[in-house]
Amino acid sequence: GLGSFLLGLVILASELRIVARFLDWAEVKLRRPVRRAKDAWASWPRWGRILIGAGLWIGGVTLGLWVLLYGFR
């Protein structure tokens, strides 16, 4: 979903100047936090990154199945 949204913004940016300006502004604002997150992730040991990745994947699948079967009640 998020990837499709970002791709849509990129397509709109080629047509609308205001969307292009927003994407330029967002890139500048997010550059430092993304770099810090990337450096923090790289500093973790390999087993920790695998464990976190597997946990997020399992959690995402579980949440997806929960919503599919029971919805947000």
C-alpha atoms as a PDB file:
ATOM      1  CA  GLY A   1       0.000   0.000   0.000  1.00  0.00           C
ATOM      2  CA  LEU A   2       2.684   2.499   0.974  1.00  0.00           C
ATOM      3  CA  GLY A   3       4.770   1.654  -2.086  1.00  0.00           C
ATOM      4  CA  SER A   4       1.792   2.229  -4.371  1.00  0.00           C
ATOM      5  CA  PHE A   5       1.089   5.550  -2.650  1.00  0.00           C
ATOM      6  CA  LEU A   6       4.683   6.715  -3.104  1.00  0.00           C
ATOM      7  CA  LEU A   7       4.723   5.586  -6.734  1.00  0.00           C
ATOM      8  CA  GLY A   8       1.507   7.548  -7.296  1.00  0.00           C
ATOM      9  CA  LEU A   9       3.103  10.652  -5.775  1.00  0.00           C
ATOM     10  CA  VAL A  10       6.101  10.283  -8.072  1.00  0.00           C
ATOM     11  CA  ILE A  11       3.818  10.008 -11.105  1.00  0.00           C
ATOM     12  CA  LEU A  12       1.835  13.052  -9.969  1.00  0.00           C
ATOM     13  CA  ALA A  13       5.056  14.972  -9.373  1.00  0.00           C
ATOM     14  CA  SER A  14       5.822  14.758 -13.072  1.00  0.00           C
ATOM     15  CA  GLU A  15       2.527  16.571 -13.741  1.00  0.00           C
ATOM     16  CA  LEU A  16       1.978  18.859 -10.734  1.00  0.00           C
ATOM     17  CA  ARG A  17       4.586  21.296  -9.466  1.00  0.00           C
ATOM     18  CA  ILE A  18       3.134  21.382  -5.916  1.00  0.00           C
ATOM     19  CA  VAL A  19       3.578  17.606  -5.529  1.00  0.00           C
ATOM     20  CA  ALA A  20       7.139  17.878  -6.845  1.00  0.00           C
ATOM     21  CA  ARG A  21       7.892  20.619  -4.312  1.00  0.00           C
ATOM     22  CA  PHE A  22       6.405  18.508  -1.498  1.00  0.00           C
ATOM     23  CA  LEU A  23       8.587  15.530  -2.461  1.00  0.00           C
ATOM     24  CA  ASP A  24      11.681  17.757  -2.579  1.00  0.00           C
ATOM     25  CA  TRP A  25      10.822  19.180   0.859  1.00  0.00           C
ATOM     26  CA  ALA A  26      10.163  15.698   2.304  1.00  0.00           C
ATOM     27  CA  GLU A  27      13.454  14.373   0.942  1.00  0.00           C
ATOM     28  CA  VAL A  28      15.445  17.125   2.626  1.00  0.00           C
ATOM     29  CA  LYS A  29      13.578  16.716   5.945  1.00  0.00           C
ATOM     30  CA  LEU A  30      13.844  12.911   5.996  1.00  0.00           C
ATOM     31  CA  ARG A  31      17.438  12.538   4.810  1.00  0.00           C
ATOM     32  CA  ARG A  32      19.054  12.813   8.291  1.00  0.00           C
ATOM     33  CA  PRO A  33      16.583  10.538  10.183  1.00  0.00           C
ATOM     34  CA  VAL A  34      16.794   7.888   7.476  1.00  0.00           C
ATOM     35  CA  ARG A  35      20.594   7.977   7.562  1.00  0.00           C
ATOM     36  CA  ARG A  36      20.574   7.631  11.372  1.00  0.00           C
ATOM     37  CA  ALA A  37      18.145   4.705  11.198  1.00  0.00           C
ATOM     38  CA  LYS A  38      20.255   3.024   8.520  1.00  0.00           C
ATOM     39  CA  ASP A  39      23.425   3.425  10.602  1.00  0.00           C
ATOM     40  CA  ALA A  40      21.659   2.110  13.718  1.00  0.00           C
ATOM     41  CA  TRP A  41      20.354  -0.902  11.795  1.00  0.00           C
ATOM     42  CA  ALA A  42      23.830  -1.645  10.392  1.00  0.00           C
ATOM     43  CA  SER A  43      25.351  -1.540  13.882  1.00  0.00           C
ATOM     44  CA  TRP A  44      23.124  -4.404  15.101  1.00  0.00           C
ATOM     45  CA  PRO A  45      24.583  -7.921  14.894  1.00  0.00           C
ATOM     46  CA  ARG A  46      23.353 -10.095  12.054  1.00  0.00           C
ATOM     47  CA  TRP A  47      21.349 -12.412  14.348  1.00  0.00           C
ATOM     48  CA  GLY A  48      19.554  -9.396  15.827  1.00  0.00           C
ATOM     49  CA  ARG A  49      18.559  -8.062  12.414  1.00  0.00           C
ATOM     50  CA  ILE A  50      17.302 -11.505  11.377  1.00  0.00           C
ATOM     51  CA  LEU A  51      15.324 -11.850  14.606  1.00  0.00           C
ATOM     52  CA  ILE A  52      13.749  -8.393  14.265  1.00  0.00           C
ATOM     53  CA  GLY A  53      12.966  -8.940  10.582  1.00  0.00           C
ATOM     54  CA  ALA A  54      11.367 -12.322  11.237  1.00  0.00           C
ATOM     55  CA  GLY A  55       9.366 -10.898  14.149  1.00  0.00           C
ATOM     56  CA  LEU A  56       8.059  -8.021  12.045  1.00  0.00           C
ATOM     57  CA  TRP A  57       7.169 -10.390   9.209  1.00  0.00           C
ATOM     58  CA  ILE A  58       5.344 -12.815  11.508  1.00  0.00           C
ATOM     59  CA  GLY A  59       3.571  -9.924  13.233  1.00  0.00           C
ATOM     60  CA  GLY A  60       2.495  -8.465   9.895  1.00  0.00           C
ATOM     61  CA  VAL A  61       1.152 -11.782   8.657  1.00  0.00           C
ATOM     62  CA  THR A  62      -0.677 -12.336  11.953  1.00  0.00           C
ATOM     63  CA  LEU A  63      -2.230  -8.860  11.850  1.00  0.00           C
ATOM     64  CA  GLY A  64      -3.224  -9.332   8.211  1.00  0.00           C
ATOM     65  CA  LEU A  65      -4.918 -12.649   8.945  1.00  0.00           C
ATOM     66  CA  TRP A  66      -6.638 -11.194  12.014  1.00  0.00           C
ATOM     67  CA  VAL A  67      -8.065  -8.304   9.993  1.00  0.00           C
ATOM     68  CA  LEU A  68      -9.043 -10.631   7.156  1.00  0.00           C
ATOM     69  CA  LEU A  69     -10.852 -13.048   9.477  1.00  0.00           C
ATOM     70  CA  TYR A  70     -12.243 -10.766  12.191  1.00  0.00           C
ATOM     71  CA  GLY A  71     -11.830  -7.175  11.025  1.00  0.00           C
ATOM     72  CA  PHE A  72     -11.247  -4.261  13.377  1.00  0.00           C
ATOM     73  CA  ARG A  73     -14.141  -4.688  15.818  1.00  0.00           C
END
